[in-house]
Amino acid sequence: MKVTQSAKEKTKLKILNAAVDLITIKGFENASLREIAKSAGVSNPTIYNYFPTKQKLLYAYIEQKHKEAIEAISKIEGFDNFSFREQLQSLIESELELYLEDREFVTQIADMVFSNSGLKINLLYDTNKEFIEVVKEMLEVAIEANEFEPIPFSEHLPLLLWDYYIMVVSYWLKDDSENFENTTEFIDHSLALIESILRSDIISKASTLGSFLFKRHILSSLNKFTSTKSHFDGIKKRLTKVFDNE
């Protein structure tokens, strides 16, 4: 019998929920995939089919929360009329709200990512596609609505804002203030700064300076290397393309 996509999603969520509960109680190292499968009510072959390793299960959890947060903000009345700052704040706060029930579990993920464990930070970045896409769309809409002037290197901004999001989550996990008031204030102040930078011409001026330094000084230095080292030739071509497309 063919399993529908809806059934697959339900099974995946059952496994993720069981993993959160078991890992929270026993710890990542002590909770096995077989135990998680038993707790989720699925067979061992089934869980290995969905998640060959416990690490992949953790990354899938993060991706799932991105999807749920995006779905949550899509249901906010008048969201399309929010400013970029309001939309980004809604997205981040929706993520934190989803993490709240699993805060101890998320703390374990964060501790492993930023320590010498089996979790790799580059693989953590592979979970950001949903986040990156929605932030990219928010930026494009804001620029089209003349909320901001066209921003140099704007294609790189969503990834920078993902870094900012990781910083917010890390701050929140360490926040012991009542109702996470410190995190709320941190988000307010930091987003105000981001908004001010995007509305100003600071990025444009920095881009102009960077382009000048590259074309007048760095490029000439790279040219000395490229005559003998093909590796530097590749670097030169990539950087030239970036600054020519600013």
Protein backbone atom coordinates (compact mmCIF):
# COMPACT_ATOMS: atom_id res chain seq x y z
CA MET A 1 0.00 0.00 0.00
CA LYS A 2 1.37 3.40 -1.00
CA VAL A 3 1.98 5.76 1.92
CA THR A 4 0.65 9.27 1.33
CA GLN A 5 2.74 12.39 1.91
CA SER A 6 0.38 13.38 4.72
CA ALA A 7 0.95 10.04 6.44
CA LYS A 8 4.70 10.44 6.05
CA GLU A 9 4.57 13.88 7.67
CA LYS A 10 2.54 12.53 10.59
CA THR A 11 5.04 9.72 11.14
CA LYS A 12 7.93 12.18 10.94
CA LEU A 13 6.30 14.43 13.55
CA LYS A 14 5.61 11.46 15.83
CA ILE A 15 9.29 10.52 15.70
CA LEU A 16 10.45 14.11 16.29
CA ASN A 17 8.10 14.56 19.27
CA ALA A 18 9.22 11.26 20.78
CA ALA A 19 12.86 12.22 20.27
CA VAL A 20 12.39 15.57 22.00
CA ASP A 21 10.80 13.92 25.05
CA LEU A 22 13.31 11.08 25.32
CA ILE A 23 16.44 13.16 24.67
CA THR A 24 15.26 15.78 27.17
CA ILE A 25 15.01 13.08 29.83
CA LYS A 26 17.99 10.86 28.99
CA GLY A 27 20.30 13.21 27.10
CA PHE A 28 21.42 13.01 23.49
CA GLU A 29 24.18 10.47 24.06
CA ASN A 30 22.05 8.09 26.15
CA ALA A 31 18.90 8.06 24.00
CA SER A 32 19.11 5.56 21.14
CA LEU A 33 17.22 5.62 17.86
CA ARG A 34 15.70 2.25 18.78
CA GLU A 35 14.32 3.70 22.01
CA ILE A 36 12.97 6.72 20.14
CA ALA A 37 11.31 4.39 17.62
CA LYS A 38 9.65 2.42 20.41
CA SER A 39 8.45 5.61 22.09
CA ALA A 40 7.05 6.88 18.77
CA GLY A 41 5.32 3.59 18.07
CA VAL A 42 7.20 2.88 14.85
CA SER A 43 9.47 0.04 13.79
CA ASN A 44 13.26 0.23 13.82
CA PRO A 45 13.47 0.09 9.99
CA THR A 46 10.97 2.96 9.81
CA ILE A 47 12.94 5.33 12.02
CA TYR A 48 16.18 4.55 10.20
CA ASN A 49 14.39 5.24 6.92
CA TYR A 50 13.44 8.72 8.15
CA PHE A 51 16.55 9.48 10.20
CA PRO A 52 19.66 7.35 9.60
CA THR A 53 21.42 9.11 12.51
CA LYS A 54 20.43 11.03 15.63
CA GLN A 55 22.22 14.07 14.24
CA LYS A 56 19.91 14.17 11.20
CA LEU A 57 16.97 13.99 13.57
CA LEU A 58 18.13 17.14 15.37
CA TYR A 59 18.60 19.07 12.14
CA ALA A 60 15.15 17.92 10.99
CA TYR A 61 13.69 19.28 14.23
CA ILE A 62 15.09 22.75 13.48
CA GLU A 63 13.78 22.65 9.91
CA GLN A 64 10.36 21.64 11.20
CA LYS A 65 10.23 24.61 13.59
CA HIS A 66 11.09 26.96 10.72
CA LYS A 67 8.14 25.59 8.76
CA GLU A 68 5.79 25.91 11.73
CA ALA A 69 6.92 29.48 12.45
CA ILE A 70 6.39 30.50 8.82
CA GLU A 71 2.94 28.94 8.89
CA ALA A 72 2.17 30.80 12.12
CA ILE A 73 3.11 34.24 10.76
CA SER A 74 1.12 33.57 7.59
CA LYS A 75 -1.99 33.45 9.79
CA ILE A 76 -1.34 36.82 11.46
CA GLU A 77 -4.01 39.27 10.38
CA GLY A 78 -2.58 42.15 8.35
CA PHE A 79 0.91 40.62 8.28
CA ASP A 80 1.46 41.72 4.67
CA ASN A 81 1.08 45.33 5.81
CA PHE A 82 3.72 45.02 8.53
CA SER A 83 7.06 46.78 8.11
CA PHE A 84 10.13 44.64 7.45
CA ARG A 85 11.20 45.02 11.06
CA GLU A 86 7.76 43.94 12.32
CA GLN A 87 7.71 40.94 10.00
CA LEU A 88 11.19 39.79 11.01
CA GLN A 89 10.38 40.27 14.69
CA SER A 90 7.18 38.24 14.27
CA LEU A 91 9.12 35.43 12.63
CA ILE A 92 11.80 35.28 15.33
CA GLU A 93 9.32 35.54 18.19
CA SER A 94 7.19 32.79 16.62
CA GLU A 95 10.26 30.55 16.51
CA LEU A 96 11.07 31.25 20.16
CA GLU A 97 7.48 30.54 21.15
CA LEU A 98 7.68 27.17 19.39
CA TYR A 99 10.97 26.41 21.11
CA LEU A 100 9.63 27.33 24.55
CA GLU A 101 8.05 23.96 25.32
CA ASP A 102 11.24 22.22 24.16
CA ARG A 103 13.69 24.70 25.67
CA GLU A 104 15.73 22.09 27.51
CA PHE A 105 16.03 20.03 24.32
CA VAL A 106 17.04 23.09 22.25
CA THR A 107 19.65 23.92 24.90
CA GLN A 108 21.18 20.49 24.37
CA ILE A 109 21.35 21.10 20.62
CA ALA A 110 22.98 24.51 21.12
CA ASP A 111 25.52 23.15 23.60
CA MET A 112 26.53 20.39 21.17
CA VAL A 113 26.73 22.69 18.15
CA PHE A 114 29.07 25.12 19.90
CA SER A 115 31.21 22.42 21.54
CA ASN A 116 33.44 19.71 20.12
CA SER A 117 30.62 17.24 19.55
CA GLY A 118 29.41 15.35 16.52
CA LEU A 119 27.13 18.22 15.51
CA LYS A 120 28.69 20.45 12.88
CA ILE A 121 27.81 24.12 12.61
CA ASN A 122 28.02 23.96 8.80
CA LEU A 123 25.29 21.29 8.85
CA LEU A 124 23.24 23.53 11.13
CA TYR A 125 23.37 26.10 8.34
CA ASP A 126 21.89 23.54 5.96
CA THR A 127 18.64 23.81 7.97
CA ASN A 128 18.15 27.49 7.16
CA LYS A 129 16.61 27.26 3.67
CA GLU A 130 13.02 27.95 4.82
CA PHE A 131 14.17 30.86 7.01
CA ILE A 132 16.39 32.33 4.28
CA GLU A 133 13.66 32.17 1.65
CA VAL A 134 11.01 33.93 3.74
CA VAL A 135 13.43 36.67 4.88
CA LYS A 136 14.55 37.16 1.27
CA GLU A 137 10.93 37.64 0.26
CA MET A 138 10.36 40.10 3.13
CA LEU A 139 13.37 42.17 2.00
CA GLU A 140 12.27 42.19 -1.63
CA VAL A 141 8.79 43.36 -0.68
CA ALA A 142 10.22 46.08 1.60
CA ILE A 143 12.47 47.38 -1.18
CA GLU A 144 9.63 47.33 -3.72
CA ALA A 145 7.48 49.29 -1.24
CA ASN A 146 10.29 51.89 -0.93
CA GLU A 147 10.75 51.04 2.72
CA PHE A 148 14.47 50.80 1.93
CA GLU A 149 16.57 51.95 -0.98
CA PRO A 150 18.13 49.11 -3.03
CA ILE A 151 20.86 47.64 -0.82
CA PRO A 152 24.31 46.60 -2.13
CA PHE A 153 24.94 42.86 -1.74
CA SER A 154 21.29 42.44 -0.69
CA GLU A 155 21.44 38.78 -1.72
CA HIS A 156 23.76 38.19 1.26
CA LEU A 157 21.52 39.90 3.83
CA PRO A 158 19.19 36.94 4.53
CA LEU A 159 22.18 34.83 5.57
CA LEU A 160 23.44 37.63 7.83
CA LEU A 161 19.98 37.83 9.38
CA TRP A 162 20.09 34.05 9.91
CA ASP A 163 23.31 34.63 11.89
CA TYR A 164 21.45 37.29 13.85
CA TYR A 165 18.62 34.82 14.50
CA ILE A 166 21.11 32.23 15.85
CA MET A 167 22.49 34.93 18.15
CA VAL A 168 18.99 35.74 19.43
CA VAL A 169 18.23 32.08 20.13
CA SER A 170 21.56 31.69 21.96
CA TYR A 171 20.78 34.76 24.08
CA TRP A 172 17.27 33.48 24.84
CA LEU A 173 18.59 30.08 25.97
CA LYS A 174 20.75 31.82 28.60
CA ASP A 175 18.08 34.32 29.63
CA ASP A 176 16.80 33.73 33.16
CA SER A 177 14.85 36.98 33.45
CA GLU A 178 11.13 36.88 34.22
CA ASN A 179 9.10 36.07 31.08
CA PHE A 180 12.34 36.47 29.11
CA GLU A 181 12.08 40.25 29.38
CA ASN A 182 15.78 40.65 28.62
CA THR A 183 15.39 38.79 25.34
CA THR A 184 12.43 40.96 24.38
CA GLU A 185 14.45 44.09 25.07
CA PHE A 186 17.47 42.69 23.24
CA ILE A 187 15.35 41.99 20.15
CA ASP A 188 13.77 45.46 20.27
CA HIS A 189 17.13 47.26 20.52
CA SER A 190 18.96 45.10 17.98
CA LEU A 191 16.18 45.23 15.38
CA ALA A 192 16.00 49.00 15.80
CA LEU A 193 19.72 49.14 14.98
CA ILE A 194 19.32 46.82 11.97
CA GLU A 195 16.40 48.90 10.69
CA SER A 196 18.41 52.13 11.08
CA ILE A 197 21.33 50.65 9.14
CA LEU A 198 19.08 49.43 6.32
CA ARG A 199 17.34 52.81 6.08
CA SER A 200 20.63 54.72 6.02
CA ASP A 201 23.29 54.83 3.31
CA ILE A 202 25.94 53.24 5.56
CA ILE A 203 25.92 49.96 3.62
CA SER A 204 26.15 51.80 0.31
CA LYS A 205 29.09 53.90 1.50
CA ALA A 206 30.83 50.83 2.94
CA SER A 207 30.27 49.05 -0.38
CA THR A 208 31.78 51.97 -2.29
CA LEU A 209 34.83 51.99 -0.02
CA GLY A 210 35.21 48.23 -0.32
CA SER A 211 34.98 48.39 -4.09
CA PHE A 212 37.61 51.14 -4.23
CA LEU A 213 40.04 49.24 -2.01
CA PHE A 214 39.54 46.03 -3.95
CA LYS A 215 39.92 47.48 -7.43
CA ARG A 216 42.77 49.88 -6.62
CA HIS A 217 44.82 47.83 -4.17
CA ILE A 218 43.74 44.24 -3.45
CA LEU A 219 43.20 43.30 -7.10
CA SER A 220 46.69 44.45 -8.06
CA SER A 221 48.15 42.36 -5.24
CA LEU A 222 46.23 39.30 -6.38
CA ASN A 223 47.46 39.82 -9.92
CA LYS A 224 51.01 39.24 -8.70
CA PHE A 225 49.99 35.85 -7.33
CA THR A 226 47.85 34.69 -10.24
CA SER A 227 50.76 34.50 -12.62
CA THR A 228 52.06 31.49 -10.68
CA LYS A 229 49.19 30.28 -8.47
CA SER A 230 45.92 29.15 -10.04
CA HIS A 231 44.19 29.06 -6.62
CA PHE A 232 44.53 32.82 -6.27
CA ASP A 233 43.29 33.23 -9.83
CA GLY A 234 40.01 31.61 -8.82
CA ILE A 235 39.73 33.88 -5.78
CA LYS A 236 40.39 36.94 -7.94
CA LYS A 237 37.69 35.98 -10.43
CA ARG A 238 35.09 35.40 -7.71
CA LEU A 239 35.85 38.68 -5.91
CA THR A 240 35.88 40.62 -9.18
CA LYS A 241 32.45 39.22 -10.02
CA VAL A 242 31.10 40.27 -6.60
CA PHE A 243 32.32 43.86 -6.83
CA ASP A 244 31.37 44.23 -10.49
CA ASN A 245 27.79 43.22 -9.58
CA GLU A 246 27.44 45.52 -6.57
